[in-house]
Amino acid sequence: MRPLTGGHIVSQYLDIKNEEYKSFKSQIQDQINEARLETRELYAQLEQIKIKKRDNDLCHMAKDIPNLAKGRFNIKPLNVLKGHKNKIADFSWSQNSKKIISASQDGYIIIWDSETGLKKNAIPLESKWVLSSALSPTGKLAASAGLNNNCTIYRVPTTEPINQHIVAIFKGHTGYISGVEFIDEPQVVTSSGDMTCALWDINKSKRIREYSNHLGDVLALTVPKPVSGKTDTFASCGSDGYTYFWDTRSAAAIQHFAINERDVNCIQYFKDQNSIAIGNDEGTVVLFDMRADCPIASYSVNDPNSSRQKEHTFISSTELKWGSSSSSSPRTPISLFSHCFEDRGVVSLDFSISGRLMYACYINLGCIIWDTLKGEVVGTLEDQGQKFSGVRTSPDGLAICTGSWDQYLKLWSPKYMS
């Protein structure tokens, strides 16, 4: 027998250690999976206890409030903003409602004058594979993020029509960045497919804190709009079916809601910032009250009282504009033909200035307007020809902006005639 050399001994030792490491790693993963399963079971038990304590919901409490009468509610198209050459990925209003920032996969951010519909400035993107964009509170900075896993901060040009002045590039996420929002002028928060959110400091050009409670891709985030000063909170949602609320000063979540096993695609604070709406892949929007720690209303395009029909029925835009006030909730004609679509997921949400109306964009149903108190569909925004990518209400409440895959932004004027 040949004697073992030092190299053979080291090799055998490393093989043994490698096997031990693999076994240890497998055990740890099994423990993590067991802990996740146990956690879900405990959450389910807590949810059952909370359900027993719920004695009412928003629609029942508002049963004596008059419906929004047919013929008195009207949304008129104001303007079409044309300039992008590819799908509009994201857009938002400035705080004074005078500007709109839009990011497109044509590789540009465009800053629009919302009153005239004219382009004010354009910023060439560091990467055209953008998924999200944001404008700082002062309007001096813009952010973009997307499939390149980076978040880029730009100086908004004031004198030159087209200029790329990169202030900072934040690298650290190991997955695509699904959302970016400004906390205040020097800080932004991002959500990512690597199951984390992160807080970044622009002046220091580094990550301040990571938030990692999610067990799946983080698909969206939202930041409340404070009346004055800055906010220290934000909310996120993801493919794990959970919505988490965070305080930027702590890495641990301060509150959460378990929705279901489906992806939660979009999230938006209610106007009073005490409630939050989430939209999922099933075409359902759920409104949660953070003070009561429970859902208070649900808005679904799926009618549980009607059976699935096989035939495909064409419904005109006039027929789907108004919901019936006599049928059981959800009172919407969309339930009559929602079976025609394989995908009814909610992709974007926003509220009117009063909060009475909720605008919800669906993958294959366009933008539907809900009465938040009654749980009824009270209108729709006309289809722009292709899929909607989002809807945003101006901070002053005088206009609505929708974006779509057909490269256009469209402005609408809401009006309710009393």
Protein backbone atom coordinates (compact mmCIF):
# COMPACT_ATOMS: atom_id res chain seq x y z
CA MET A 1 0.00 0.00 0.00
CA ARG A 2 1.29 3.41 -0.97
CA PRO A 3 1.79 5.69 1.98
CA LEU A 4 -0.46 8.75 2.11
CA THR A 5 1.27 11.97 1.28
CA GLY A 6 0.56 15.29 2.90
CA GLY A 7 -1.44 16.37 -0.14
CA HIS A 8 -3.71 13.31 0.04
CA ILE A 9 -4.33 13.86 3.74
CA VAL A 10 -5.27 17.50 3.16
CA SER A 11 -7.55 16.52 0.26
CA GLN A 12 -9.37 13.88 2.34
CA TYR A 13 -9.69 16.31 5.22
CA LEU A 14 -11.21 18.95 2.91
CA ASP A 15 -13.64 16.40 1.43
CA ILE A 16 -14.81 15.43 4.93
CA LYS A 17 -15.23 19.08 5.91
CA ASN A 18 -17.11 19.79 2.70
CA GLU A 19 -19.54 16.95 3.37
CA GLU A 20 -20.01 18.14 6.94
CA TYR A 21 -20.69 21.66 5.68
CA LYS A 22 -23.28 20.42 3.16
CA SER A 23 -24.99 18.35 5.83
CA PHE A 24 -24.99 21.29 8.24
CA LYS A 25 -26.34 23.64 5.56
CA SER A 26 -29.12 21.17 4.72
CA GLN A 27 -30.08 20.89 8.38
CA ILE A 28 -30.20 24.67 8.77
CA GLN A 29 -32.41 24.99 5.67
CA ASP A 30 -34.76 22.31 7.01
CA GLN A 31 -35.00 24.19 10.31
CA ILE A 32 -35.74 27.43 8.46
CA ASN A 33 -38.51 25.76 6.43
CA GLU A 34 -40.02 24.27 9.59
CA ALA A 35 -39.88 27.65 11.31
CA ARG A 36 -41.60 29.32 8.35
CA LEU A 37 -44.36 26.70 8.36
CA GLU A 38 -44.86 27.04 12.10
CA THR A 39 -44.93 30.84 11.77
CA ARG A 40 -47.64 30.68 9.12
CA GLU A 41 -49.69 28.36 11.30
CA LEU A 42 -49.38 30.74 14.25
CA TYR A 43 -50.35 33.68 12.04
CA ALA A 44 -53.39 31.72 10.87
CA GLN A 45 -54.42 31.04 14.47
CA LEU A 46 -54.02 34.72 15.37
CA GLU A 47 -56.06 35.67 12.32
CA GLN A 48 -58.90 33.38 13.41
CA ILE A 49 -58.91 35.04 16.82
CA LYS A 50 -58.99 38.52 15.27
CA ILE A 51 -61.80 37.52 12.90
CA LYS A 52 -63.99 36.66 15.89
CA LYS A 53 -63.49 40.20 17.22
CA ARG A 54 -64.50 41.93 13.98
CA ASP A 55 -68.10 43.06 14.26
CA ASN A 56 -68.41 45.22 11.16
CA ASP A 57 -66.85 46.44 7.92
CA LEU A 58 -66.70 49.71 6.00
CA CYS A 59 -69.47 48.93 3.48
CA HIS A 60 -71.91 47.90 6.22
CA MET A 61 -71.14 50.99 8.28
CA ALA A 62 -71.80 53.18 5.21
CA LYS A 63 -75.11 51.55 4.27
CA ASP A 64 -77.09 54.72 5.09
CA ILE A 65 -74.85 56.99 3.00
CA PRO A 66 -76.36 57.81 -0.42
CA ASN A 67 -74.85 56.18 -3.47
CA LEU A 68 -72.99 58.19 -6.08
CA ALA A 69 -75.85 58.83 -8.47
CA LYS A 70 -75.59 57.74 -12.07
CA GLY A 71 -75.08 60.63 -14.47
CA ARG A 72 -73.49 62.91 -11.88
CA PHE A 73 -70.05 61.42 -11.95
CA ASN A 74 -67.91 62.30 -14.92
CA ILE A 75 -64.23 62.05 -15.83
CA LYS A 76 -63.10 63.99 -18.87
CA PRO A 77 -59.84 63.48 -20.78
CA LEU A 78 -57.71 66.63 -20.61
CA ASN A 79 -54.52 65.93 -22.49
CA VAL A 80 -52.31 63.22 -23.95
CA LEU A 81 -48.58 63.49 -23.22
CA LYS A 82 -46.62 62.10 -26.16
CA GLY A 83 -42.85 61.76 -26.24
CA HIS A 84 -41.76 58.33 -25.10
CA LYS A 85 -40.88 55.65 -27.65
CA ASN A 86 -41.47 52.56 -25.53
CA LYS A 87 -43.52 51.23 -22.63
CA ILE A 88 -43.93 53.65 -19.72
CA ALA A 89 -42.64 51.80 -16.68
CA ASP A 90 -43.49 54.30 -13.94
CA PHE A 91 -44.51 57.91 -13.33
CA SER A 92 -45.39 60.26 -10.47
CA TRP A 93 -46.49 63.81 -9.67
CA SER A 94 -44.45 66.55 -8.06
CA GLN A 95 -45.68 67.77 -4.68
CA ASN A 96 -47.08 71.00 -6.15
CA SER A 97 -48.88 69.06 -8.95
CA LYS A 98 -47.19 71.18 -11.63
CA LYS A 99 -44.84 68.49 -12.92
CA ILE A 100 -45.02 64.83 -13.86
CA ILE A 101 -41.97 62.60 -14.06
CA SER A 102 -42.16 59.49 -16.24
CA ALA A 103 -39.63 56.74 -16.90
CA SER A 104 -39.80 54.59 -20.00
CA GLN A 105 -37.93 51.61 -21.36
CA ASP A 106 -36.87 53.83 -24.25
CA GLY A 107 -34.04 54.85 -21.89
CA TYR A 108 -35.29 58.28 -20.81
CA ILE A 109 -36.88 60.07 -17.90
CA ILE A 110 -39.07 62.95 -19.05
CA ILE A 111 -40.24 65.82 -16.83
CA TRP A 112 -43.56 67.21 -18.08
CA ASP A 113 -45.43 70.43 -17.45
CA SER A 114 -48.80 69.11 -16.28
CA GLU A 115 -50.68 72.30 -17.25
CA THR A 116 -49.45 72.58 -20.85
CA GLY A 117 -48.55 68.94 -21.48
CA LEU A 118 -45.16 70.03 -22.84
CA LYS A 119 -41.82 68.38 -22.09
CA LYS A 120 -39.64 70.49 -19.79
CA ASN A 121 -36.54 68.31 -19.49
CA ALA A 122 -35.25 64.83 -20.26
CA ILE A 123 -32.67 62.64 -18.54
CA PRO A 124 -30.90 59.79 -20.39
CA LEU A 125 -31.01 56.77 -18.08
CA GLU A 126 -27.97 54.86 -16.90
CA SER A 127 -29.92 51.69 -17.82
CA LYS A 128 -33.00 51.55 -20.03
CA TRP A 129 -34.33 48.48 -18.19
CA VAL A 130 -36.16 50.68 -15.70
CA LEU A 131 -39.02 49.48 -13.48
CA SER A 132 -39.50 52.40 -11.10
CA SER A 133 -38.83 56.12 -10.82
CA ALA A 134 -39.36 58.92 -8.30
CA LEU A 135 -39.04 62.68 -7.92
CA SER A 136 -37.63 64.24 -4.74
CA PRO A 137 -39.82 66.54 -2.60
CA THR A 138 -38.07 69.67 -3.93
CA GLY A 139 -38.06 68.39 -7.51
CA LYS A 140 -34.29 68.80 -7.80
CA LEU A 141 -33.46 65.07 -7.84
CA ALA A 142 -34.85 62.11 -9.75
CA ALA A 143 -34.31 58.39 -9.15
CA SER A 144 -34.57 55.35 -11.38
CA ALA A 145 -34.13 51.64 -10.70
CA GLY A 146 -34.80 48.38 -12.45
CA LEU A 147 -33.43 45.14 -13.83
CA ASN A 148 -29.75 46.10 -13.50
CA ASN A 149 -30.09 45.82 -9.68
CA ASN A 150 -28.92 49.44 -9.22
CA CYS A 151 -30.64 52.63 -8.07
CA THR A 152 -29.40 55.77 -9.82
CA ILE A 153 -29.91 59.34 -8.57
CA TYR A 154 -29.87 62.17 -11.12
CA ARG A 155 -29.79 65.94 -10.87
CA VAL A 156 -32.86 67.29 -12.66
CA PRO A 157 -31.66 69.66 -15.41
CA THR A 158 -32.90 73.25 -15.18
CA THR A 159 -31.20 75.02 -18.07
CA GLU A 160 -30.39 72.28 -20.58
CA PRO A 161 -33.33 70.37 -22.10
CA ILE A 162 -31.45 67.04 -22.07
CA ASN A 163 -28.73 66.32 -19.55
CA GLN A 164 -27.49 63.37 -17.51
CA HIS A 165 -25.93 64.44 -14.22
CA ILE A 166 -25.56 61.36 -12.04
CA VAL A 167 -25.36 62.20 -8.34
CA ALA A 168 -25.05 58.63 -6.99
CA ILE A 169 -25.39 54.99 -8.04
CA PHE A 170 -26.43 52.61 -5.26
CA LYS A 171 -25.24 49.03 -5.70
CA GLY A 172 -25.95 46.30 -3.19
CA HIS A 173 -29.16 44.56 -4.14
CA THR A 174 -28.64 41.10 -5.63
CA GLY A 175 -31.97 41.13 -7.49
CA TYR A 176 -33.98 43.53 -9.63
CA ILE A 177 -35.24 46.69 -7.94
CA SER A 178 -39.03 46.84 -8.14
CA GLY A 179 -39.62 50.20 -6.44
CA VAL A 180 -37.89 53.39 -5.35
CA GLU A 181 -39.27 56.29 -3.30
CA PHE A 182 -37.78 59.38 -1.66
CA ILE A 183 -38.09 59.48 2.13
CA ASP A 184 -36.83 63.05 2.05
CA GLU A 185 -34.34 64.97 -0.09
CA PRO A 186 -31.16 63.09 0.95
CA GLN A 187 -32.64 59.59 1.45
CA VAL A 188 -34.36 57.01 -0.76
CA VAL A 189 -35.80 53.59 -0.01
CA THR A 190 -35.81 50.70 -2.49
CA SER A 191 -37.54 47.32 -2.75
CA SER A 192 -35.98 44.36 -4.53
CA GLY A 193 -36.44 40.87 -5.86
CA ASP A 194 -33.73 39.76 -3.44
CA MET A 195 -36.46 39.79 -0.73
CA THR A 196 -35.18 42.97 0.95
CA CYS A 197 -35.80 46.69 1.15
CA ALA A 198 -32.97 49.16 1.74
CA LEU A 199 -32.51 52.74 2.92
CA TRP A 200 -29.84 54.77 1.13
CA ASP A 201 -28.22 58.11 1.97
CA ILE A 202 -27.51 60.23 -1.10
CA ASN A 203 -25.03 62.57 0.57
CA LYS A 204 -22.99 59.68 1.97
CA SER A 205 -23.52 57.49 -1.12
CA LYS A 206 -24.08 54.35 0.93
CA ARG A 207 -26.72 52.01 2.30
CA ILE A 208 -27.89 52.92 5.79
CA ARG A 209 -30.14 49.99 6.68
CA GLU A 210 -31.62 46.78 5.26
CA TYR A 211 -35.15 45.43 5.91
CA SER A 212 -35.45 41.69 5.39
CA ASN A 213 -38.68 40.21 6.80
CA HIS A 214 -40.10 39.25 3.40
CA LEU A 215 -39.83 35.61 2.31
CA GLY A 216 -40.30 36.33 -1.40
CA ASP A 217 -39.66 39.02 -3.99
CA VAL A 218 -40.60 42.48 -2.74
CA LEU A 219 -42.83 43.71 -5.57
CA ALA A 220 -43.77 47.24 -4.50
CA LEU A 221 -43.41 49.87 -1.79
CA THR A 222 -45.10 53.11 -0.86
CA VAL A 223 -44.24 56.08 1.33
CA PRO A 224 -46.92 58.17 3.09
CA LYS A 225 -47.10 61.80 2.06
CA PRO A 226 -46.66 63.87 5.24
CA VAL A 227 -48.49 67.16 5.62
CA SER A 228 -45.25 68.79 6.77
CA GLY A 229 -41.71 67.64 7.37
CA LYS A 230 -40.36 64.17 6.53
CA THR A 231 -41.75 60.73 7.11
CA ASP A 232 -39.97 57.90 8.90
CA THR A 233 -42.22 55.08 7.71
CA PHE A 234 -42.95 53.12 4.55
CA ALA A 235 -44.78 49.93 3.57
CA SER A 236 -43.85 47.08 1.24
CA CYS A 237 -45.59 44.05 -0.27
CA GLY A 238 -44.37 40.98 -2.08
CA SER A 239 -44.81 37.57 -3.62
CA ASP A 240 -44.94 35.96 -0.17
CA GLY A 241 -48.45 37.42 0.26
CA TYR A 242 -47.43 39.75 3.10
CA THR A 243 -47.51 43.50 3.60
CA TYR A 244 -44.99 44.94 6.06
CA PHE A 245 -44.80 48.37 7.69
CA TRP A 246 -41.38 49.74 8.55
CA ASP A 247 -39.84 52.52 10.57
CA THR A 248 -36.69 53.61 8.75
CA ARG A 249 -34.85 53.88 12.08
CA SER A 250 -35.25 50.17 12.86
CA ALA A 251 -34.50 47.04 10.81
CA ALA A 252 -37.50 45.17 12.30
CA ALA A 253 -41.02 45.50 10.89
CA ILE A 254 -43.43 47.40 13.14
CA GLN A 255 -46.62 45.82 11.73
CA HIS A 256 -47.69 43.38 9.05
CA PHE A 257 -50.72 41.92 7.31
CA ALA A 258 -50.93 38.42 5.84
CA ILE A 259 -52.99 38.62 2.67
CA ASN A 260 -52.94 35.18 1.03
CA GLU A 261 -50.64 32.93 -0.96
CA ARG A 262 -50.95 35.08 -4.12
CA ASP A 263 -48.54 37.81 -5.20
CA VAL A 264 -49.33 41.25 -3.79
CA ASN A 265 -48.46 43.53 -6.71
CA CYS A 266 -49.23 47.07 -5.59
CA ILE A 267 -49.78 49.09 -2.45
CA GLN A 268 -51.00 52.61 -1.67
CA TYR A 269 -51.69 54.62 1.48
CA PHE A 270 -55.19 56.02 1.97
CA LYS A 271 -55.37 59.81 2.16
CA ASP A 272 -55.55 59.91 5.97
CA GLN A 273 -52.47 57.61 6.13
CA ASN A 274 -54.21 55.46 8.74
CA SER A 275 -55.29 52.89 6.15
CA ILE A 276 -53.62 51.17 3.25
CA ALA A 277 -54.86 49.40 0.13
CA ILE A 278 -53.17 46.42 -1.52
CA GLY A 279 -53.91 44.73 -4.84
CA ASN A 280 -53.11 41.13 -5.69
CA ASP A 281 -52.96 38.71 -8.60
CA GLU A 282 -56.55 37.57 -8.02
CA GLY A 283 -57.97 40.95 -8.98
CA THR A 284 -58.83 41.78 -5.38
CA VAL A 285 -58.09 45.03 -3.54
CA VAL A 286 -58.16 44.88 0.26
CA LEU A 287 -58.29 48.00 2.44
CA PHE A 288 -56.62 47.61 5.84
CA ASP A 289 -56.92 49.89 8.85
CA MET A 290 -53.61 50.04 10.68
CA ARG A 291 -55.21 51.19 13.93
CA ALA A 292 -57.67 48.29 14.01
CA ASP A 293 -54.99 45.92 12.66
CA CYS A 294 -57.47 44.25 10.31
CA PRO A 295 -59.08 44.54 6.85
CA ILE A 296 -62.12 46.82 6.70
CA ALA A 297 -63.18 46.45 3.05
CA SER A 298 -62.57 44.29 -0.02
CA TYR A 299 -63.14 45.14 -3.67
CA SER A 300 -63.11 42.27 -6.16
CA VAL A 301 -63.86 41.91 -9.86
CA ASN A 302 -64.75 38.27 -9.18
CA ASP A 303 -68.39 37.78 -8.22
CA PRO A 304 -68.56 34.81 -5.81
CA ASN A 305 -72.34 34.53 -6.35
CA SER A 306 -72.16 33.88 -10.09
CA SER A 307 -70.99 30.67 -11.70
CA ARG A 308 -68.18 30.63 -14.23
CA GLN A 309 -69.63 31.03 -17.69
CA LYS A 310 -68.11 29.37 -20.73
CA GLU A 311 -69.21 31.79 -23.42
CA HIS A 312 -67.30 35.03 -24.04
CA THR A 313 -69.62 38.00 -23.98
CA PHE A 314 -68.64 41.39 -25.40
CA ILE A 315 -69.40 44.27 -23.05
CA SER A 316 -69.11 47.82 -24.38
CA SER A 317 -67.46 50.62 -22.41
CA THR A 318 -70.89 52.21 -21.91
CA GLU A 319 -72.30 49.02 -20.37
CA LEU A 320 -69.43 48.57 -17.92
CA LYS A 321 -69.37 52.20 -16.82
CA TRP A 322 -71.92 51.89 -14.06
CA GLY A 323 -72.47 49.28 -11.39
CA SER A 324 -75.87 48.22 -10.16
CA SER A 325 -76.88 49.40 -6.70
CA SER A 326 -79.33 46.60 -6.07
CA SER A 327 -77.23 43.43 -6.30
CA SER A 328 -75.17 41.93 -3.53
CA SER A 329 -71.54 42.93 -3.02
CA PRO A 330 -69.43 43.19 -5.05
CA ARG A 331 -71.91 45.18 -7.17
CA THR A 332 -70.19 45.36 -10.54
CA PRO A 333 -71.03 44.36 -14.12
CA ILE A 334 -67.41 43.34 -14.54
CA SER A 335 -68.20 40.10 -12.73
CA LEU A 336 -70.38 39.15 -15.72
CA PHE A 337 -67.44 38.96 -18.07
CA SER A 338 -64.35 38.69 -15.87
CA HIS A 339 -64.17 35.00 -16.73
CA CYS A 340 -63.03 36.02 -20.23
CA PHE A 341 -59.63 37.01 -18.91
CA GLU A 342 -56.96 34.67 -17.67
CA ASP A 343 -55.17 37.43 -15.77
CA ARG A 344 -57.07 40.06 -13.75
CA GLY A 345 -54.23 41.08 -11.42
CA VAL A 346 -54.16 44.60 -9.96
CA VAL A 347 -51.08 46.55 -11.07
CA SER A 348 -51.67 50.04 -9.65
CA LEU A 349 -53.85 51.88 -7.10
CA ASP A 350 -54.62 55.42 -6.02
CA PHE A 351 -57.38 57.42 -4.33
CA SER A 352 -59.22 60.65 -5.05
CA ILE A 353 -58.41 63.65 -2.88
CA SER A 354 -61.36 62.88 -0.57
CA GLY A 355 -60.75 59.13 -0.55
CA ARG A 356 -64.31 58.36 -1.69
CA LEU A 357 -63.07 57.05 -5.04
CA MET A 358 -60.40 54.44 -5.65
CA TYR A 359 -58.75 54.04 -9.06
CA ALA A 360 -57.52 50.49 -9.72
CA CYS A 361 -55.63 49.39 -12.83
CA TYR A 362 -55.95 45.74 -13.85
CA ILE A 363 -53.81 43.83 -16.32
CA ASN A 364 -56.66 43.04 -18.70
CA LEU A 365 -59.57 45.18 -17.43
CA GLY A 366 -58.22 48.71 -17.76
CA CYS A 367 -58.71 51.28 -14.99
CA ILE A 368 -61.82 50.79 -12.84
CA ILE A 369 -63.22 53.37 -10.42
CA TRP A 370 -64.59 52.07 -7.11
CA ASP A 371 -66.74 53.78 -4.52
CA THR A 372 -64.72 52.95 -1.39
CA LEU A 373 -67.72 53.31 0.94
CA LYS A 374 -70.18 51.22 -1.05
CA GLY A 375 -67.88 48.68 -2.67
CA GLU A 376 -69.42 49.50 -6.06
CA VAL A 377 -67.93 50.22 -9.45
CA VAL A 378 -68.97 53.76 -10.39
CA GLY A 379 -67.01 54.21 -13.61
CA THR A 380 -64.04 53.35 -15.77
CA LEU A 381 -61.35 55.23 -17.60
CA GLU A 382 -61.41 54.59 -21.31
CA ASP A 383 -58.88 52.07 -22.53
CA GLN A 384 -55.88 53.70 -24.15
CA GLY A 385 -55.53 50.83 -26.60
CA GLN A 386 -53.09 48.74 -24.60
CA LYS A 387 -52.43 47.69 -21.04
CA PHE A 388 -52.31 50.27 -18.26
CA SER A 389 -49.02 50.55 -16.38
CA GLY A 390 -50.33 52.79 -13.61
CA VAL A 391 -52.65 55.49 -12.27
CA ARG A 392 -51.78 58.49 -10.08
CA THR A 393 -53.94 61.28 -8.63
CA SER A 394 -52.36 64.73 -8.42
CA PRO A 395 -51.68 65.97 -4.85
CA ASP A 396 -54.15 68.83 -5.33
CA GLY A 397 -56.81 66.36 -6.52
CA LEU A 398 -57.58 68.26 -9.73
CA ALA A 399 -56.28 65.68 -12.20
CA ILE A 400 -55.61 61.98 -12.71
CA CYS A 401 -52.73 60.64 -14.75
CA THR A 402 -52.65 57.20 -16.35
CA GLY A 403 -49.79 55.55 -18.20
CA SER A 404 -49.89 52.61 -20.55
CA TRP A 405 -47.85 50.30 -22.71
CA ASP A 406 -48.71 52.40 -25.78
CA GLN A 407 -46.02 54.99 -24.82
CA TYR A 408 -48.51 57.68 -23.73
CA LEU A 409 -49.50 59.41 -20.52
CA LYS A 410 -53.08 60.64 -20.33
CA LEU A 411 -54.49 63.34 -18.04
CA TRP A 412 -58.09 63.22 -16.80
CA SER A 413 -60.26 65.71 -14.95
CA PRO A 414 -62.50 64.22 -12.23
CA LYS A 415 -65.84 65.91 -11.65
CA TYR A 416 -68.85 65.08 -9.50
CA MET A 417 -71.88 67.22 -10.18
CA SER A 418 -74.04 67.71 -7.06
